[in-house]
Amino acid sequence: RLRTGYAPDGWYTKQTGGTKVTAETVYDASNPGNHQLYFRWIPLDYTIKFNKDNGDAIQEFRRTFGTTLNIYENLVNLKKDGYTFMGWTSSDTSLLPDLDANVQSVTVPAGDVTYTAVWQLNKDVNITVYDVDGERIEGATVTMSGITGSQTTNSSGVGTFAQVAVGEYTATATIGG
């Protein structure tokens, strides 16, 4: 019977230590009775690759099955102009991350795997300011939480923030100073 992530190592005379039983092992007939043998497995090593998909080189790690791979500083807080890093996917077809953008470590799976960065295009955000009568207001100062700077609404009552990263923001409009 096979064991996922392991290769058979063979039979031994003790659970730890002991002698490996091979074709050359001689049975001591002068010591009759039950002889207990222990089967051992060796964990396999697998390759984990991280493709940042931002022009940087693919990072490759070779680790033992079931161990923890800490994701180094250069694999978090990734940057790509005009995009927000959403996480990592191991699928060739899915754009949904298997691993969150803030993941700190992964457990080495039973098989080689390549994780590719998932990026979401940043978008312009238009904020329109209306008065209580439903009229658009020109000249209102609009700010968004987490965004540096402000925008002033134009003659159509619209203030535009360019290339806003994915996230939740609170917009505030100030009218007349």
N, C-alpha and C. Protein backbone atom coordinates (compact mmCIF):
# COMPACT_ATOMS: atom_id res chain seq x y z
N ARG A 1 0.85 -1.18 0.00
CA ARG A 1 0.00 0.00 0.00
C ARG A 1 0.89 1.24 0.00
N LEU A 2 0.58 2.20 -0.85
CA LEU A 2 1.37 3.42 -0.94
C LEU A 2 0.90 4.45 0.08
N ARG A 3 1.79 5.32 0.45
CA ARG A 3 1.48 6.37 1.41
C ARG A 3 1.80 7.71 0.73
N THR A 4 0.79 8.57 0.65
CA THR A 4 0.93 9.86 -0.04
C THR A 4 2.05 10.68 0.58
N GLY A 5 2.95 11.18 -0.29
CA GLY A 5 4.03 12.04 0.14
C GLY A 5 5.25 11.32 0.69
N TYR A 6 5.23 9.97 0.64
CA TYR A 6 6.33 9.19 1.19
C TYR A 6 6.77 8.12 0.21
N ALA A 7 8.01 7.68 0.36
CA ALA A 7 8.54 6.54 -0.39
C ALA A 7 8.87 5.44 0.61
N PRO A 8 8.69 4.18 0.22
CA PRO A 8 9.03 3.09 1.13
C PRO A 8 10.53 3.05 1.39
N ASP A 9 10.90 2.85 2.64
CA ASP A 9 12.31 2.76 3.00
C ASP A 9 12.70 1.31 3.30
N GLY A 10 11.75 0.49 3.71
CA GLY A 10 12.04 -0.91 3.96
C GLY A 10 11.74 -1.33 5.39
N TRP A 11 12.12 -2.58 5.66
CA TRP A 11 11.87 -3.19 6.96
C TRP A 11 13.10 -3.06 7.85
N TYR A 12 12.85 -2.83 9.16
CA TYR A 12 13.93 -2.69 10.14
C TYR A 12 13.64 -3.58 11.34
N THR A 13 14.70 -3.88 12.08
CA THR A 13 14.56 -4.75 13.25
C THR A 13 14.05 -4.01 14.48
N LYS A 14 14.09 -2.68 14.44
CA LYS A 14 13.57 -1.86 15.54
C LYS A 14 12.79 -0.69 14.96
N GLN A 15 11.92 -0.12 15.80
CA GLN A 15 11.11 1.01 15.36
C GLN A 15 11.98 2.22 15.02
N THR A 16 12.99 2.47 15.84
CA THR A 16 14.00 3.50 15.53
C THR A 16 15.36 2.84 15.71
N GLY A 17 16.29 3.24 14.87
CA GLY A 17 17.59 2.56 14.89
C GLY A 17 17.44 1.18 14.30
N GLY A 18 18.10 0.21 14.85
CA GLY A 18 17.99 -1.16 14.36
C GLY A 18 18.73 -1.36 13.06
N THR A 19 18.54 -2.53 12.49
CA THR A 19 19.21 -2.92 11.25
C THR A 19 18.18 -3.04 10.14
N LYS A 20 18.55 -2.53 8.97
CA LYS A 20 17.65 -2.65 7.82
C LYS A 20 17.72 -4.09 7.30
N VAL A 21 16.55 -4.68 7.03
CA VAL A 21 16.47 -6.04 6.52
C VAL A 21 16.62 -5.98 5.00
N THR A 22 17.61 -6.71 4.47
CA THR A 22 17.85 -6.75 3.03
C THR A 22 17.89 -8.21 2.58
N ALA A 23 18.13 -8.42 1.30
CA ALA A 23 18.23 -9.78 0.78
C ALA A 23 19.43 -10.50 1.39
N GLU A 24 20.40 -9.74 1.88
CA GLU A 24 21.59 -10.34 2.48
C GLU A 24 21.44 -10.58 3.98
N THR A 25 20.35 -10.11 4.58
CA THR A 25 20.14 -10.29 6.01
C THR A 25 19.99 -11.78 6.32
N VAL A 26 20.71 -12.23 7.30
CA VAL A 26 20.69 -13.64 7.67
C VAL A 26 19.81 -13.81 8.91
N TYR A 27 18.89 -14.76 8.85
CA TYR A 27 18.03 -15.08 9.98
C TYR A 27 18.79 -15.99 10.93
N ASP A 28 18.80 -15.62 12.19
CA ASP A 28 19.52 -16.39 13.20
C ASP A 28 18.60 -17.51 13.72
N ALA A 29 18.78 -18.70 13.17
CA ALA A 29 17.94 -19.85 13.55
C ALA A 29 18.20 -20.31 14.97
N SER A 30 19.31 -19.92 15.56
CA SER A 30 19.60 -20.33 16.94
C SER A 30 18.76 -19.53 17.94
N ASN A 31 18.07 -18.50 17.46
CA ASN A 31 17.21 -17.67 18.31
C ASN A 31 15.78 -17.79 17.80
N PRO A 32 15.15 -18.95 18.02
CA PRO A 32 13.80 -19.16 17.50
C PRO A 32 12.77 -18.29 18.23
N GLY A 33 11.61 -18.19 17.65
CA GLY A 33 10.54 -17.42 18.26
C GLY A 33 10.09 -16.32 17.32
N ASN A 34 9.27 -15.44 17.86
CA ASN A 34 8.75 -14.35 17.04
C ASN A 34 9.81 -13.27 16.85
N HIS A 35 9.86 -12.77 15.65
CA HIS A 35 10.74 -11.65 15.34
C HIS A 35 9.86 -10.53 14.80
N GLN A 36 9.92 -9.39 15.41
CA GLN A 36 9.08 -8.27 14.98
C GLN A 36 9.91 -7.35 14.07
N LEU A 37 9.29 -6.98 12.95
CA LEU A 37 9.93 -6.06 12.01
C LEU A 37 9.07 -4.81 11.89
N TYR A 38 9.71 -3.70 11.57
CA TYR A 38 9.03 -2.41 11.48
C TYR A 38 9.28 -1.81 10.09
N PHE A 39 8.18 -1.41 9.45
CA PHE A 39 8.31 -0.80 8.12
C PHE A 39 8.46 0.71 8.27
N ARG A 40 9.35 1.29 7.49
CA ARG A 40 9.60 2.73 7.57
C ARG A 40 9.36 3.39 6.21
N TRP A 41 8.96 4.64 6.34
CA TRP A 41 8.71 5.48 5.16
C TRP A 41 9.65 6.70 5.20
N ILE A 42 10.02 7.18 4.05
CA ILE A 42 10.84 8.39 3.95
C ILE A 42 9.99 9.48 3.30
N PRO A 43 9.85 10.65 3.94
CA PRO A 43 9.09 11.73 3.31
C PRO A 43 9.83 12.22 2.06
N LEU A 44 9.07 12.50 1.02
CA LEU A 44 9.64 12.95 -0.25
C LEU A 44 9.81 14.46 -0.28
N ASP A 45 10.71 14.92 -1.11
CA ASP A 45 10.91 16.35 -1.32
C ASP A 45 10.15 16.77 -2.58
N TYR A 46 9.57 17.97 -2.52
CA TYR A 46 8.83 18.51 -3.65
C TYR A 46 9.25 19.94 -3.91
N THR A 47 8.98 20.39 -5.13
CA THR A 47 9.33 21.75 -5.53
C THR A 47 8.09 22.63 -5.47
N ILE A 48 8.23 23.77 -4.82
CA ILE A 48 7.17 24.77 -4.78
C ILE A 48 7.71 26.02 -5.47
N LYS A 49 6.97 26.47 -6.49
CA LYS A 49 7.39 27.66 -7.23
C LYS A 49 6.37 28.77 -7.01
N PHE A 50 6.87 30.00 -6.96
CA PHE A 50 6.02 31.18 -6.87
C PHE A 50 6.30 32.07 -8.07
N ASN A 51 5.31 32.19 -8.96
CA ASN A 51 5.42 33.04 -10.13
C ASN A 51 4.70 34.35 -9.80
N LYS A 52 5.46 35.41 -9.62
CA LYS A 52 4.88 36.69 -9.21
C LYS A 52 4.10 37.36 -10.33
N ASP A 53 4.32 36.93 -11.57
CA ASP A 53 3.60 37.47 -12.73
C ASP A 53 3.69 39.00 -12.78
N ASN A 54 4.87 39.52 -12.41
CA ASN A 54 5.07 40.97 -12.46
C ASN A 54 6.42 41.33 -13.08
N GLY A 55 7.02 40.37 -13.76
CA GLY A 55 8.31 40.61 -14.39
C GLY A 55 9.48 40.12 -13.57
N ASP A 56 9.27 39.84 -12.28
CA ASP A 56 10.33 39.31 -11.43
C ASP A 56 10.54 37.82 -11.72
N ALA A 57 11.70 37.30 -11.35
CA ALA A 57 12.01 35.89 -11.55
C ALA A 57 11.11 35.01 -10.69
N ILE A 58 10.83 33.81 -11.20
CA ILE A 58 10.07 32.81 -10.43
C ILE A 58 10.95 32.35 -9.27
N GLN A 59 10.37 32.29 -8.08
CA GLN A 59 11.10 31.82 -6.91
C GLN A 59 10.79 30.34 -6.72
N GLU A 60 11.82 29.56 -6.49
CA GLU A 60 11.66 28.11 -6.39
C GLU A 60 12.27 27.61 -5.08
N PHE A 61 11.52 26.70 -4.42
CA PHE A 61 11.96 26.12 -3.16
C PHE A 61 11.80 24.61 -3.23
N ARG A 62 12.72 23.88 -2.67
CA ARG A 62 12.63 22.42 -2.58
C ARG A 62 12.52 22.09 -1.10
N ARG A 63 11.41 21.45 -0.71
CA ARG A 63 11.17 21.16 0.70
C ARG A 63 10.56 19.76 0.84
N THR A 64 10.60 19.26 2.07
CA THR A 64 10.09 17.93 2.40
C THR A 64 8.59 17.98 2.64
N PHE A 65 7.89 16.97 2.13
CA PHE A 65 6.44 16.85 2.28
C PHE A 65 6.03 17.04 3.74
N GLY A 66 4.97 17.83 3.93
CA GLY A 66 4.38 18.01 5.25
C GLY A 66 5.06 19.05 6.11
N THR A 67 6.22 19.57 5.68
CA THR A 67 6.89 20.61 6.45
C THR A 67 6.30 21.97 6.09
N THR A 68 6.68 22.98 6.84
CA THR A 68 6.17 24.33 6.61
C THR A 68 7.20 25.14 5.85
N LEU A 69 6.74 25.80 4.79
CA LEU A 69 7.59 26.72 4.04
C LEU A 69 7.16 28.12 4.41
N ASN A 70 8.04 28.86 5.05
CA ASN A 70 7.75 30.26 5.38
C ASN A 70 7.92 31.09 4.12
N ILE A 71 6.94 31.94 3.87
CA ILE A 71 7.01 32.78 2.69
C ILE A 71 7.81 34.02 3.05
N TYR A 72 8.90 34.18 2.36
CA TYR A 72 9.84 35.24 2.67
C TYR A 72 9.29 36.61 2.29
N GLU A 73 9.92 37.62 2.83
CA GLU A 73 9.48 39.01 2.65
C GLU A 73 9.26 39.38 1.19
N ASN A 74 10.06 38.82 0.29
CA ASN A 74 9.90 39.19 -1.12
C ASN A 74 8.73 38.49 -1.80
N LEU A 75 7.98 37.68 -1.06
CA LEU A 75 6.79 37.04 -1.63
C LEU A 75 5.51 37.60 -1.03
N VAL A 76 5.63 38.61 -0.19
CA VAL A 76 4.45 39.30 0.34
C VAL A 76 4.58 40.76 -0.04
N ASN A 77 3.48 41.48 0.04
CA ASN A 77 3.44 42.89 -0.33
C ASN A 77 3.96 43.10 -1.76
N LEU A 78 3.53 42.25 -2.67
CA LEU A 78 3.97 42.35 -4.06
C LEU A 78 3.39 43.61 -4.72
N LYS A 79 4.11 44.10 -5.68
CA LYS A 79 3.69 45.31 -6.40
C LYS A 79 3.69 45.04 -7.90
N LYS A 80 2.70 45.60 -8.57
CA LYS A 80 2.62 45.58 -10.02
C LYS A 80 1.84 46.83 -10.39
N ASP A 81 2.44 47.71 -11.19
CA ASP A 81 1.82 48.99 -11.51
C ASP A 81 0.40 48.81 -12.03
N GLY A 82 -0.53 49.52 -11.38
CA GLY A 82 -1.92 49.52 -11.82
C GLY A 82 -2.74 48.34 -11.31
N TYR A 83 -2.17 47.51 -10.44
CA TYR A 83 -2.85 46.31 -9.98
C TYR A 83 -2.75 46.18 -8.47
N THR A 84 -3.67 45.38 -7.90
CA THR A 84 -3.64 45.02 -6.50
C THR A 84 -3.42 43.51 -6.41
N PHE A 85 -2.46 43.10 -5.56
CA PHE A 85 -2.16 41.69 -5.34
C PHE A 85 -3.26 41.08 -4.49
N MET A 86 -3.89 40.00 -4.99
CA MET A 86 -5.01 39.38 -4.31
C MET A 86 -4.65 38.06 -3.61
N GLY A 87 -3.54 37.43 -4.02
CA GLY A 87 -3.15 36.16 -3.44
C GLY A 87 -2.50 35.27 -4.48
N TRP A 88 -2.51 33.95 -4.21
CA TRP A 88 -1.84 32.97 -5.08
C TRP A 88 -2.83 31.90 -5.52
N THR A 89 -2.71 31.46 -6.78
CA THR A 89 -3.51 30.34 -7.27
C THR A 89 -2.58 29.24 -7.78
N SER A 90 -2.98 28.00 -7.57
CA SER A 90 -2.22 26.87 -8.10
C SER A 90 -2.89 26.32 -9.35
N SER A 91 -3.97 26.96 -9.78
CA SER A 91 -4.73 26.51 -10.94
C SER A 91 -4.28 27.24 -12.20
N ASP A 92 -4.30 26.53 -13.31
CA ASP A 92 -4.00 27.18 -14.59
C ASP A 92 -5.20 27.92 -15.15
N THR A 93 -6.38 27.66 -14.59
CA THR A 93 -7.59 28.23 -15.16
C THR A 93 -8.35 29.16 -14.22
N SER A 94 -8.09 29.08 -12.92
CA SER A 94 -8.85 29.88 -11.97
C SER A 94 -8.16 31.20 -11.68
N LEU A 95 -8.95 32.25 -11.58
CA LEU A 95 -8.42 33.55 -11.19
C LEU A 95 -8.71 33.83 -9.72
N LEU A 96 -9.24 32.83 -9.02
CA LEU A 96 -9.51 32.98 -7.59
C LEU A 96 -8.32 32.43 -6.81
N PRO A 97 -7.84 33.16 -5.82
CA PRO A 97 -6.67 32.69 -5.08
C PRO A 97 -6.96 31.47 -4.21
N ASP A 98 -5.98 30.53 -4.17
CA ASP A 98 -6.00 29.41 -3.22
C ASP A 98 -5.43 29.88 -1.89
N LEU A 99 -4.47 30.81 -1.97
CA LEU A 99 -3.79 31.33 -0.80
C LEU A 99 -4.04 32.83 -0.73
N ASP A 100 -4.41 33.31 0.45
CA ASP A 100 -4.68 34.72 0.67
C ASP A 100 -3.42 35.56 0.45
N ALA A 101 -3.59 36.83 0.12
CA ALA A 101 -2.45 37.73 -0.11
C ALA A 101 -1.59 37.89 1.13
N ASN A 102 -2.15 37.68 2.30
CA ASN A 102 -1.42 37.87 3.56
C ASN A 102 -0.86 36.58 4.14
N VAL A 103 -0.90 35.49 3.39
CA VAL A 103 -0.45 34.20 3.90
C VAL A 103 1.04 34.30 4.27
N GLN A 104 1.41 33.71 5.39
CA GLN A 104 2.79 33.77 5.87
C GLN A 104 3.56 32.48 5.61
N SER A 105 2.85 31.36 5.45
CA SER A 105 3.52 30.08 5.23
C SER A 105 2.56 29.12 4.54
N VAL A 106 3.14 28.07 3.95
CA VAL A 106 2.34 27.01 3.34
C VAL A 106 2.91 25.67 3.80
N THR A 107 2.04 24.67 3.88
CA THR A 107 2.48 23.32 4.17
C THR A 107 2.81 22.65 2.84
N VAL A 108 3.98 22.03 2.75
CA VAL A 108 4.44 21.43 1.50
C VAL A 108 3.49 20.28 1.14
N PRO A 109 2.87 20.37 -0.06
CA PRO A 109 1.92 19.33 -0.48
C PRO A 109 2.65 18.10 -1.03
N ALA A 110 1.88 17.06 -1.31
CA ALA A 110 2.42 15.83 -1.88
C ALA A 110 2.45 15.97 -3.40
N GLY A 111 3.40 16.72 -3.88
CA GLY A 111 3.56 16.93 -5.31
C GLY A 111 4.10 18.32 -5.58
N ASP A 112 4.78 18.46 -6.71
CA ASP A 112 5.29 19.77 -7.10
C ASP A 112 4.11 20.69 -7.38
N VAL A 113 4.28 21.97 -7.07
CA VAL A 113 3.20 22.92 -7.31
C VAL A 113 3.80 24.28 -7.70
N THR A 114 3.10 24.97 -8.58
CA THR A 114 3.45 26.34 -8.92
C THR A 114 2.29 27.23 -8.54
N TYR A 115 2.56 28.21 -7.68
CA TYR A 115 1.56 29.21 -7.33
C TYR A 115 1.84 30.45 -8.17
N THR A 116 0.80 30.98 -8.79
CA THR A 116 0.92 32.18 -9.60
C THR A 116 0.14 33.30 -8.93
N ALA A 117 0.75 34.48 -8.90
CA ALA A 117 0.11 35.63 -8.27
C ALA A 117 -1.19 35.97 -9.01
N VAL A 118 -2.22 36.33 -8.24
CA VAL A 118 -3.49 36.78 -8.80
C VAL A 118 -3.54 38.30 -8.63
N TRP A 119 -3.72 39.00 -9.73
CA TRP A 119 -3.74 40.46 -9.71
C TRP A 119 -5.11 40.95 -10.15
N GLN A 120 -5.59 42.01 -9.52
CA GLN A 120 -6.83 42.65 -9.96
C GLN A 120 -6.49 44.06 -10.39
N LEU A 121 -7.01 44.41 -11.57
CA LEU A 121 -6.75 45.72 -12.15
C LEU A 121 -7.36 46.81 -11.28
N ASN A 122 -6.53 47.80 -10.93
CA ASN A 122 -7.04 48.97 -10.21
C ASN A 122 -7.91 49.78 -11.17
N LYS A 123 -8.88 50.47 -10.63
CA LYS A 123 -9.81 51.21 -11.49
C LYS A 123 -9.98 52.63 -11.00
N ASP A 124 -10.36 53.48 -11.94
CA ASP A 124 -10.71 54.85 -11.57
C ASP A 124 -12.04 54.81 -10.82
N VAL A 125 -12.15 55.65 -9.80
CA VAL A 125 -13.38 55.74 -9.03
C VAL A 125 -13.94 57.15 -9.21
N ASN A 126 -15.15 57.21 -9.72
CA ASN A 126 -15.84 58.49 -9.87
C ASN A 126 -16.83 58.65 -8.74
N ILE A 127 -16.76 59.79 -8.07
CA ILE A 127 -17.69 60.09 -6.99
C ILE A 127 -18.47 61.33 -7.39
N THR A 128 -19.79 61.17 -7.40
CA THR A 128 -20.67 62.29 -7.75
C THR A 128 -21.32 62.79 -6.47
N VAL A 129 -21.31 64.12 -6.30
CA VAL A 129 -21.88 64.73 -5.10
C VAL A 129 -23.18 65.44 -5.51
N TYR A 130 -24.26 65.14 -4.77
CA TYR A 130 -25.58 65.73 -5.03
C TYR A 130 -26.02 66.53 -3.81
N ASP A 131 -26.83 67.55 -4.07
CA ASP A 131 -27.45 68.26 -2.94
C ASP A 131 -28.76 67.55 -2.59
N VAL A 132 -29.47 68.05 -1.60
CA VAL A 132 -30.70 67.39 -1.13
C VAL A 132 -31.81 67.39 -2.18
N ASP A 133 -31.69 68.26 -3.17
CA ASP A 133 -32.69 68.29 -4.24
C ASP A 133 -32.30 67.40 -5.42
N GLY A 134 -31.18 66.69 -5.29
CA GLY A 134 -30.76 65.79 -6.36
C GLY A 134 -29.93 66.49 -7.44
N GLU A 135 -29.51 67.71 -7.19
CA GLU A 135 -28.69 68.43 -8.16
C GLU A 135 -27.21 68.13 -7.88
N ARG A 136 -26.45 67.96 -8.95
CA ARG A 136 -25.01 67.73 -8.79
C ARG A 136 -24.33 69.02 -8.32
N ILE A 137 -23.30 68.84 -7.46
CA ILE A 137 -22.63 70.00 -6.88
C ILE A 137 -21.22 70.12 -7.46
N GLU A 138 -20.96 71.28 -8.05
CA GLU A 138 -19.63 71.58 -8.57
C GLU A 138 -18.81 72.19 -7.44
N GLY A 139 -17.50 71.86 -7.39
CA GLY A 139 -16.60 72.49 -6.44
C GLY A 139 -16.56 71.85 -5.06
N ALA A 140 -17.25 70.73 -4.86
CA ALA A 140 -17.17 70.03 -3.57
C ALA A 140 -15.81 69.33 -3.47
N THR A 141 -15.25 69.30 -2.28
CA THR A 141 -13.98 68.61 -2.06
C THR A 141 -14.29 67.21 -1.55
N VAL A 142 -13.79 66.22 -2.27
CA VAL A 142 -14.08 64.83 -1.94
C VAL A 142 -12.79 64.16 -1.45
N THR A 143 -12.87 63.47 -0.34
CA THR A 143 -11.75 62.66 0.17
C THR A 143 -12.22 61.22 0.32
N MET A 144 -11.26 60.29 0.25
CA MET A 144 -11.56 58.87 0.47
C MET A 144 -10.61 58.35 1.51
N SER A 145 -11.13 57.60 2.48
CA SER A 145 -10.28 57.01 3.52
C SER A 145 -9.22 56.12 2.87
N GLY A 146 -7.99 56.24 3.34
CA GLY A 146 -6.92 55.40 2.82
C GLY A 146 -6.30 55.90 1.54
N ILE A 147 -6.82 56.98 0.97
CA ILE A 147 -6.29 57.55 -0.27
C ILE A 147 -5.69 58.91 0.05
N THR A 148 -4.46 59.12 -0.37
CA THR A 148 -3.80 60.40 -0.14
C THR A 148 -4.35 61.43 -1.11
N GLY A 149 -4.62 62.62 -0.60
CA GLY A 149 -5.11 63.71 -1.45
C GLY A 149 -6.61 63.74 -1.53
N SER A 150 -7.10 64.71 -2.29
CA SER A 150 -8.54 64.86 -2.46
C SER A 150 -8.81 65.26 -3.91
N GLN A 151 -10.07 65.25 -4.27
CA GLN A 151 -10.48 65.67 -5.61
C GLN A 151 -11.58 66.72 -5.46
N THR A 152 -11.60 67.64 -6.39
CA THR A 152 -12.67 68.64 -6.41
C THR A 152 -13.62 68.28 -7.53
N THR A 153 -14.92 68.29 -7.23
CA THR A 153 -15.90 67.91 -8.25
C THR A 153 -15.92 68.94 -9.37
N ASN A 154 -16.10 68.43 -10.59
CA ASN A 154 -16.14 69.30 -11.76
C ASN A 154 -17.55 69.85 -11.98
N SER A 155 -17.77 70.46 -13.13
CA SER A 155 -19.07 71.08 -13.41
C SER A 155 -20.20 70.06 -13.46
N SER A 156 -19.85 68.80 -13.62
CA SER A 156 -20.87 67.75 -13.60
C SER A 156 -21.04 67.16 -12.21
N GLY A 157 -20.32 67.71 -11.21
CA GLY A 157 -20.43 67.23 -9.84
C GLY A 157 -19.65 65.96 -9.58
N VAL A 158 -18.66 65.64 -10.46
CA VAL A 158 -17.92 64.38 -10.35
C VAL A 158 -16.47 64.65 -9.98
N GLY A 159 -15.98 63.93 -8.98
CA GLY A 159 -14.57 63.92 -8.63
C GLY A 159 -14.02 62.54 -8.93
N THR A 160 -12.86 62.45 -9.60
CA THR A 160 -12.32 61.16 -10.02
C THR A 160 -11.01 60.87 -9.30
N PHE A 161 -10.93 59.69 -8.68
CA PHE A 161 -9.69 59.19 -8.10
C PHE A 161 -9.15 58.14 -9.07
N ALA A 162 -7.92 58.33 -9.54
CA ALA A 162 -7.35 57.43 -10.56
C ALA A 162 -6.70 56.21 -9.92
N GLN A 163 -6.86 55.07 -10.57
CA GLN A 163 -6.17 53.82 -10.23
C GLN A 163 -6.27 53.46 -8.75
N VAL A 164 -7.49 53.36 -8.26
CA VAL A 164 -7.73 53.01 -6.86
C VAL A 164 -7.61 51.50 -6.71
N ALA A 165 -6.86 51.10 -5.70
CA ALA A 165 -6.68 49.67 -5.43
C ALA A 165 -7.98 49.08 -4.89
N VAL A 166 -8.11 47.77 -5.06
CA VAL A 166 -9.27 47.05 -4.57
C VAL A 166 -9.35 47.21 -3.06
N GLY A 167 -10.54 47.46 -2.54
CA GLY A 167 -10.72 47.59 -1.11
C GLY A 167 -11.99 48.33 -0.77
N GLU A 168 -12.21 48.55 0.50
CA GLU A 168 -13.37 49.31 0.96
C GLU A 168 -12.90 50.68 1.43
N TYR A 169 -13.61 51.71 1.01
CA TYR A 169 -13.24 53.08 1.34
C TYR A 169 -14.48 53.84 1.80
N THR A 170 -14.27 54.91 2.53
CA THR A 170 -15.35 55.81 2.91
C THR A 170 -15.07 57.14 2.23
N ALA A 171 -16.05 57.62 1.48
CA ALA A 171 -15.90 58.91 0.79
C ALA A 171 -16.63 59.99 1.59
N THR A 172 -16.00 61.14 1.66
CA THR A 172 -16.56 62.29 2.37
C THR A 172 -16.50 63.50 1.46
N ALA A 173 -17.62 64.23 1.38
CA ALA A 173 -17.65 65.45 0.56
C ALA A 173 -17.81 66.65 1.48
N THR A 174 -17.02 67.69 1.20
CA THR A 174 -17.11 68.94 1.93
C THR A 174 -17.53 70.02 0.94
N ILE A 175 -18.60 70.72 1.28
CA ILE A 175 -19.14 71.72 0.38
C ILE A 175 -18.91 73.10 0.99
N GLY A 176 -18.32 73.99 0.18
CA GLY A 176 -18.15 75.37 0.61
C GLY A 176 -17.17 75.55 1.74
N GLY A 177 -16.07 74.82 1.74
CA GLY A 177 -14.98 75.09 2.66
C GLY A 177 -15.02 74.30 3.86
